[in-house]
PDB file of all heavy atoms in Angstrom:
ATOM      1  N   ASP A   1      -0.458 -14.584  -0.092  1.00  0.00           N
ATOM      2  CA  ASP A   1      -1.684 -15.023   0.682  1.00  0.00           C
ATOM      3  C   ASP A   1      -1.364 -15.346   2.132  1.00  0.00           C
ATOM      4  O   ASP A   1      -2.139 -14.976   3.034  1.00  0.00           O
ATOM      5  CB  ASP A   1      -2.288 -16.332   0.041  1.00  0.00           C
ATOM      6  CG  ASP A   1      -3.042 -16.045  -1.261  1.00  0.00           C
ATOM      7  OD1 ASP A   1      -3.572 -14.864  -1.467  1.00  0.00           O
ATOM      8  OD2 ASP A   1      -3.161 -16.935  -2.093  1.00  0.00           O
ATOM      9  N   LEU A   2      -0.258 -16.034   2.360  1.00  0.00           N
ATOM     10  CA  LEU A   2       0.221 -16.324   3.754  1.00  0.00           C
ATOM     11  C   LEU A   2       0.412 -15.066   4.523  1.00  0.00           C
ATOM     12  O   LEU A   2       0.023 -15.012   5.729  1.00  0.00           O
ATOM     13  CB  LEU A   2       1.460 -17.174   3.647  1.00  0.00           C
ATOM     14  CG  LEU A   2       2.063 -17.753   4.973  1.00  0.00           C
ATOM     15  CD1 LEU A   2       1.036 -18.729   5.590  1.00  0.00           C
ATOM     16  CD2 LEU A   2       3.380 -18.460   4.637  1.00  0.00           C
ATOM     17  N   ALA A   3       1.010 -14.087   3.962  1.00  0.00           N
ATOM     18  CA  ALA A   3       1.277 -12.859   4.718  1.00  0.00           C
ATOM     19  C   ALA A   3      -0.008 -12.157   5.046  1.00  0.00           C
ATOM     20  O   ALA A   3      -0.205 -11.713   6.182  1.00  0.00           O
ATOM     21  CB  ALA A   3       2.101 -11.898   3.754  1.00  0.00           C
ATOM     22  N   VAL A   4      -0.979 -12.096   4.152  1.00  0.00           N
ATOM     23  CA  VAL A   4      -2.329 -11.456   4.447  1.00  0.00           C
ATOM     24  C   VAL A   4      -2.927 -12.254   5.603  1.00  0.00           C
ATOM     25  O   VAL A   4      -3.447 -11.687   6.500  1.00  0.00           O
ATOM     26  CB  VAL A   4      -3.179 -11.437   3.195  1.00  0.00           C
ATOM     27  CG1 VAL A   4      -4.568 -11.002   3.518  1.00  0.00           C
ATOM     28  CG2 VAL A   4      -2.624 -10.475   2.150  1.00  0.00           C
ATOM     29  N   ARG A   5      -3.012 -13.590   5.459  1.00  0.00           N
ATOM     30  CA  ARG A   5      -3.698 -14.395   6.479  1.00  0.00           C
ATOM     31  C   ARG A   5      -3.057 -14.187   7.909  1.00  0.00           C
ATOM     32  O   ARG A   5      -3.739 -14.291   8.941  1.00  0.00           O
ATOM     33  CB  ARG A   5      -3.636 -15.819   6.176  1.00  0.00           C
ATOM     34  CG  ARG A   5      -4.539 -16.307   5.057  1.00  0.00           C
ATOM     35  CD  ARG A   5      -4.740 -17.776   5.007  1.00  0.00           C
ATOM     36  NE  ARG A   5      -3.520 -18.543   4.999  1.00  0.00           N
ATOM     37  CZ  ARG A   5      -2.771 -18.941   3.898  1.00  0.00           C
ATOM     38  NH1 ARG A   5      -3.153 -18.565   2.688  1.00  0.00           N
ATOM     39  NH2 ARG A   5      -1.747 -19.620   4.096  1.00  0.00           N
ATOM     40  N   ASN A   6      -1.767 -13.948   7.983  1.00  0.00           N
ATOM     41  CA  ASN A   6      -0.993 -13.769   9.215  1.00  0.00           C
ATOM     42  C   ASN A   6      -0.851 -12.398   9.700  1.00  0.00           C
ATOM     43  O   ASN A   6      -0.119 -12.157  10.681  1.00  0.00           O
ATOM     44  CB  ASN A   6       0.259 -14.529   9.213  1.00  0.00           C
ATOM     45  CG  ASN A   6      -0.021 -16.109   9.200  1.00  0.00           C
ATOM     46  OD1 ASN A   6      -0.785 -16.553   9.976  1.00  0.00           O
ATOM     47  ND2 ASN A   6       0.722 -16.780   8.358  1.00  0.00           N
ATOM     48  N   GLY A   7      -1.510 -11.390   8.978  1.00  0.00           N
ATOM     49  CA  GLY A   7      -1.421 -10.046   9.582  1.00  0.00           C
ATOM     50  C   GLY A   7      -0.244  -9.152   9.276  1.00  0.00           C
ATOM     51  O   GLY A   7       0.061  -8.264   9.920  1.00  0.00           O
ATOM     52  N   TRP A   8       0.502  -9.475   8.150  1.00  0.00           N
ATOM     53  CA  TRP A   8       1.624  -8.582   7.756  1.00  0.00           C
ATOM     54  C   TRP A   8       1.099  -7.533   6.906  1.00  0.00           C
ATOM     55  O   TRP A   8       0.133  -7.582   6.173  1.00  0.00           O
ATOM     56  CB  TRP A   8       2.626  -9.452   6.859  1.00  0.00           C
ATOM     57  CG  TRP A   8       3.394 -10.454   7.689  1.00  0.00           C
ATOM     58  CD1 TRP A   8       2.857 -11.740   7.985  1.00  0.00           C
ATOM     59  CD2 TRP A   8       4.652 -10.336   8.268  1.00  0.00           C
ATOM     60  NE1 TRP A   8       3.868 -12.367   8.777  1.00  0.00           N
ATOM     61  CE2 TRP A   8       4.843 -11.525   8.950  1.00  0.00           C
ATOM     62  CE3 TRP A   8       5.597  -9.266   8.389  1.00  0.00           C
ATOM     63  CZ2 TRP A   8       6.107 -11.644   9.732  1.00  0.00           C
ATOM     64  CZ3 TRP A   8       6.678  -9.425   8.995  1.00  0.00           C
ATOM     65  CH2 TRP A   8       7.020 -10.669   9.668  1.00  0.00           C
ATOM     66  N   ASN A   9       1.600  -6.255   7.069  1.00  0.00           N
ATOM     67  CA  ASN A   9       1.217  -5.101   6.339  1.00  0.00           C
ATOM     68  C   ASN A   9       1.877  -4.937   4.927  1.00  0.00           C
ATOM     69  O   ASN A   9       1.271  -4.365   4.049  1.00  0.00           O
ATOM     70  CB  ASN A   9       1.458  -3.729   7.095  1.00  0.00           C
ATOM     71  CG  ASN A   9       0.356  -3.526   8.199  1.00  0.00           C
ATOM     72  OD1 ASN A   9      -0.630  -4.357   8.190  1.00  0.00           O
ATOM     73  ND2 ASN A   9       0.632  -2.572   8.954  1.00  0.00           N
ATOM     74  N   GLY A  10       3.111  -5.426   4.827  1.00  0.00           N
ATOM     75  CA  GLY A  10       3.836  -5.348   3.617  1.00  0.00           C
ATOM     76  C   GLY A  10       5.124  -6.067   3.580  1.00  0.00           C
ATOM     77  O   GLY A  10       5.535  -6.631   4.497  1.00  0.00           O
ATOM     78  N   ILE A  11       5.631  -6.083   2.322  1.00  0.00           N
ATOM     79  CA  ILE A  11       6.895  -6.692   1.983  1.00  0.00           C
ATOM     80  C   ILE A  11       7.720  -5.847   1.109  1.00  0.00           C
ATOM     81  O   ILE A  11       7.208  -5.385   0.100  1.00  0.00           O
ATOM     82  CB  ILE A  11       6.712  -8.173   1.367  1.00  0.00           C
ATOM     83  CG1 ILE A  11       5.789  -9.015   2.197  1.00  0.00           C
ATOM     84  CG2 ILE A  11       8.008  -8.797   1.079  1.00  0.00           C
ATOM     85  CD1 ILE A  11       5.308 -10.288   1.535  1.00  0.00           C
ATOM     86  N   ILE A  12       8.974  -5.651   1.474  1.00  0.00           N
ATOM     87  CA  ILE A  12       9.924  -4.997   0.563  1.00  0.00           C
ATOM     88  C   ILE A  12      11.011  -6.107   0.123  1.00  0.00           C
ATOM     89  O   ILE A  12      11.552  -6.693   0.987  1.00  0.00           O
ATOM     90  CB  ILE A  12      10.676  -3.899   1.264  1.00  0.00           C
ATOM     91  CG1 ILE A  12       9.680  -2.841   1.916  1.00  0.00           C
ATOM     92  CG2 ILE A  12      11.761  -3.188   0.305  1.00  0.00           C
ATOM     93  CD1 ILE A  12       9.042  -1.924   0.931  1.00  0.00           C
ATOM     94  N   VAL A  13      11.133  -6.225  -1.174  1.00  0.00           N
ATOM     95  CA  VAL A  13      12.083  -7.245  -1.686  1.00  0.00           C
ATOM     96  C   VAL A  13      13.194  -6.624  -2.451  1.00  0.00           C
ATOM     97  O   VAL A  13      12.947  -6.063  -3.579  1.00  0.00           O
ATOM     98  CB  VAL A  13      11.324  -8.320  -2.521  1.00  0.00           C
ATOM     99  CG1 VAL A  13      12.302  -9.402  -3.072  1.00  0.00           C
ATOM    100  CG2 VAL A  13      10.221  -8.933  -1.712  1.00  0.00           C
ATOM    101  N   TYR A  14      14.437  -6.727  -2.014  1.00  0.00           N
ATOM    102  CA  TYR A  14      15.615  -6.343  -2.759  1.00  0.00           C
ATOM    103  C   TYR A  14      15.921  -7.524  -3.685  1.00  0.00           C
ATOM    104  O   TYR A  14      16.873  -8.331  -3.549  1.00  0.00           O
ATOM    105  CB  TYR A  14      16.735  -5.937  -1.961  1.00  0.00           C
ATOM    106  CG  TYR A  14      17.957  -5.395  -2.643  1.00  0.00           C
ATOM    107  CD1 TYR A  14      17.833  -4.475  -3.651  1.00  0.00           C
ATOM    108  CD2 TYR A  14      19.247  -5.779  -2.299  1.00  0.00           C
ATOM    109  CE1 TYR A  14      18.932  -4.006  -4.320  1.00  0.00           C
ATOM    110  CE2 TYR A  14      20.335  -5.374  -2.858  1.00  0.00           C
ATOM    111  CZ  TYR A  14      20.266  -4.444  -3.900  1.00  0.00           C
ATOM    112  OH  TYR A  14      21.336  -3.962  -4.622  1.00  0.00           O
ATOM    113  N   GLY A  15      15.083  -7.718  -4.745  1.00  0.00           N
ATOM    114  CA  GLY A  15      15.115  -8.799  -5.671  1.00  0.00           C
ATOM    115  C   GLY A  15      13.790  -8.807  -6.439  1.00  0.00           C
ATOM    116  O   GLY A  15      13.169  -7.760  -6.580  1.00  0.00           O
ATOM    117  N   CYS A  16      13.376 -10.041  -6.897  1.00  0.00           N
ATOM    118  CA  CYS A  16      12.140 -10.082  -7.642  1.00  0.00           C
ATOM    119  C   CYS A  16      11.012 -10.889  -7.018  1.00  0.00           C
ATOM    120  O   CYS A  16      11.181 -11.583  -6.075  1.00  0.00           O
ATOM    121  CB  CYS A  16      12.488 -10.899  -8.979  1.00  0.00           C
ATOM    122  SG  CYS A  16      13.650 -10.044 -10.033  1.00  0.00           S
ATOM    123  N   ILE A  17       9.803 -10.571  -7.543  1.00  0.00           N
ATOM    124  CA  ILE A  17       8.557 -11.284  -7.128  1.00  0.00           C
ATOM    125  C   ILE A  17       8.083 -11.914  -8.474  1.00  0.00           C
ATOM    126  O   ILE A  17       8.483 -11.628  -9.547  1.00  0.00           O
ATOM    127  CB  ILE A  17       7.523 -10.308  -6.563  1.00  0.00           C
ATOM    128  CG1 ILE A  17       7.119  -9.148  -7.564  1.00  0.00           C
ATOM    129  CG2 ILE A  17       8.111  -9.690  -5.269  1.00  0.00           C
ATOM    130  CD1 ILE A  17       5.892  -9.391  -8.231  1.00  0.00           C
ATOM    131  N   ARG A  18       7.014 -12.821  -8.178  1.00  0.00           N
ATOM    132  CA  ARG A  18       6.309 -13.342  -9.365  1.00  0.00           C
ATOM    133  C   ARG A  18       4.834 -13.374  -9.005  1.00  0.00           C
ATOM    134  O   ARG A  18       4.433 -13.016  -7.904  1.00  0.00           O
ATOM    135  CB  ARG A  18       6.838 -14.793  -9.741  1.00  0.00           C
ATOM    136  CG  ARG A  18       6.622 -15.845  -8.745  1.00  0.00           C
ATOM    137  CD  ARG A  18       7.319 -17.156  -9.068  1.00  0.00           C
ATOM    138  NE  ARG A  18       6.590 -18.212  -8.680  1.00  0.00           N
ATOM    139  CZ  ARG A  18       6.689 -19.484  -9.238  1.00  0.00           C
ATOM    140  NH1 ARG A  18       7.647 -19.652 -10.141  1.00  0.00           N
ATOM    141  NH2 ARG A  18       5.976 -20.450  -8.823  1.00  0.00           N
ATOM    142  N   ASP A  19       4.030 -13.799  -9.956  1.00  0.00           N
ATOM    143  CA  ASP A  19       2.567 -13.758  -9.769  1.00  0.00           C
ATOM    144  C   ASP A  19       2.061 -12.439  -9.487  1.00  0.00           C
ATOM    145  O   ASP A  19       1.262 -12.146  -8.629  1.00  0.00           O
ATOM    146  CB  ASP A  19       2.165 -14.706  -8.628  1.00  0.00           C
ATOM    147  CG  ASP A  19       2.582 -16.168  -8.838  1.00  0.00           C
ATOM    148  OD1 ASP A  19       2.448 -16.730  -9.923  1.00  0.00           O
ATOM    149  OD2 ASP A  19       3.204 -16.723  -7.846  1.00  0.00           O
ATOM    150  N   SER A  20       2.616 -11.484 -10.270  1.00  0.00           N
ATOM    151  CA  SER A  20       2.356 -10.062 -10.025  1.00  0.00           C
ATOM    152  C   SER A  20       0.829  -9.689 -10.103  1.00  0.00           C
ATOM    153  O   SER A  20       0.368  -8.847  -9.309  1.00  0.00           O
ATOM    154  CB  SER A  20       3.165  -9.154 -10.930  1.00  0.00           C
ATOM    155  OG  SER A  20       2.810  -9.414 -12.300  1.00  0.00           O
ATOM    156  N   VAL A  21       0.108 -10.254 -10.989  1.00  0.00           N
ATOM    157  CA  VAL A  21      -1.254 -10.015 -11.128  1.00  0.00           C
ATOM    158  C   VAL A  21      -2.046 -10.399  -9.902  1.00  0.00           C
ATOM    159  O   VAL A  21      -2.919  -9.583  -9.328  1.00  0.00           O
ATOM    160  CB  VAL A  21      -1.944 -10.624 -12.406  1.00  0.00           C
ATOM    161  CG1 VAL A  21      -3.398 -10.432 -12.417  1.00  0.00           C
ATOM    162  CG2 VAL A  21      -1.322 -10.064 -13.643  1.00  0.00           C
ATOM    163  N   ALA A  22      -1.804 -11.639  -9.421  1.00  0.00           N
ATOM    164  CA  ALA A  22      -2.479 -12.122  -8.145  1.00  0.00           C
ATOM    165  C   ALA A  22      -2.082 -11.255  -6.930  1.00  0.00           C
ATOM    166  O   ALA A  22      -2.884 -10.875  -6.123  1.00  0.00           O
ATOM    167  CB  ALA A  22      -2.113 -13.595  -7.890  1.00  0.00           C
ATOM    168  N   LEU A  23      -0.778 -10.884  -6.870  1.00  0.00           N
ATOM    169  CA  LEU A  23      -0.308 -10.118  -5.715  1.00  0.00           C
ATOM    170  C   LEU A  23      -0.921  -8.708  -5.782  1.00  0.00           C
ATOM    171  O   LEU A  23      -1.232  -8.155  -4.666  1.00  0.00           O
ATOM    172  CB  LEU A  23       1.204  -9.962  -5.774  1.00  0.00           C
ATOM    173  CG  LEU A  23       2.022 -11.240  -5.427  1.00  0.00           C
ATOM    174  CD1 LEU A  23       3.518 -10.919  -5.689  1.00  0.00           C
ATOM    175  CD2 LEU A  23       1.740 -11.639  -4.016  1.00  0.00           C
ATOM    176  N   GLY A  24      -1.203  -8.151  -6.991  1.00  0.00           N
ATOM    177  CA  GLY A  24      -1.814  -6.882  -7.047  1.00  0.00           C
ATOM    178  C   GLY A  24      -3.238  -6.932  -6.567  1.00  0.00           C
ATOM    179  O   GLY A  24      -3.883  -5.797  -6.368  1.00  0.00           O
ATOM    180  N   LYS A  25      -3.840  -8.063  -6.367  1.00  0.00           N
ATOM    181  CA  LYS A  25      -5.254  -8.102  -5.852  1.00  0.00           C
ATOM    182  C   LYS A  25      -5.330  -8.305  -4.291  1.00  0.00           C
ATOM    183  O   LYS A  25      -6.433  -8.306  -3.666  1.00  0.00           O
ATOM    184  CB  LYS A  25      -5.996  -9.312  -6.556  1.00  0.00           C
ATOM    185  CG  LYS A  25      -6.122  -8.990  -7.994  1.00  0.00           C
ATOM    186  CD  LYS A  25      -6.794 -10.188  -8.689  1.00  0.00           C
ATOM    187  CE  LYS A  25      -6.865  -9.931 -10.213  1.00  0.00           C
ATOM    188  NZ  LYS A  25      -7.386 -11.095 -11.001  1.00  0.00           N
ATOM    189  N   LEU A  26      -4.145  -8.450  -3.758  1.00  0.00           N
ATOM    190  CA  LEU A  26      -4.106  -8.726  -2.280  1.00  0.00           C
ATOM    191  C   LEU A  26      -4.033  -7.357  -1.473  1.00  0.00           C
ATOM    192  O   LEU A  26      -3.476  -6.427  -1.863  1.00  0.00           O
ATOM    193  CB  LEU A  26      -2.936  -9.581  -1.843  1.00  0.00           C
ATOM    194  CG  LEU A  26      -2.852 -10.924  -2.382  1.00  0.00           C
ATOM    195  CD1 LEU A  26      -1.565 -11.632  -2.078  1.00  0.00           C
ATOM    196  CD2 LEU A  26      -4.087 -11.773  -1.937  1.00  0.00           C
ATOM    197  N   PRO A  27      -4.683  -7.380  -0.239  1.00  0.00           N
ATOM    198  CA  PRO A  27      -4.596  -6.247   0.607  1.00  0.00           C
ATOM    199  C   PRO A  27      -3.220  -6.224   1.313  1.00  0.00           C
ATOM    200  O   PRO A  27      -3.153  -6.415   2.536  1.00  0.00           O
ATOM    201  CB  PRO A  27      -5.827  -6.381   1.573  1.00  0.00           C
ATOM    202  CG  PRO A  27      -5.929  -7.889   1.663  1.00  0.00           C
ATOM    203  CD  PRO A  27      -5.589  -8.415   0.276  1.00  0.00           C
ATOM    204  N   LEU A  28      -2.162  -6.005   0.657  1.00  0.00           N
ATOM    205  CA  LEU A  28      -0.804  -6.101   1.109  1.00  0.00           C
ATOM    206  C   LEU A  28       0.054  -5.191   0.285  1.00  0.00           C
ATOM    207  O   LEU A  28      -0.114  -5.121  -0.967  1.00  0.00           O
ATOM    208  CB  LEU A  28      -0.310  -7.635   0.895  1.00  0.00           C
ATOM    209  CG  LEU A  28       1.109  -7.909   1.318  1.00  0.00           C
ATOM    210  CD1 LEU A  28       1.231  -7.893   2.861  1.00  0.00           C
ATOM    211  CD2 LEU A  28       1.482  -9.320   0.864  1.00  0.00           C
TER     212      LEU A  28
END
């Protein structure tokens, strides 16, 4: 959410994420 609010286009993580369902709904 913070990334979207601040105008980031994307994130690449050499590791893990969580909250995958919520992240899947973001324009990111």
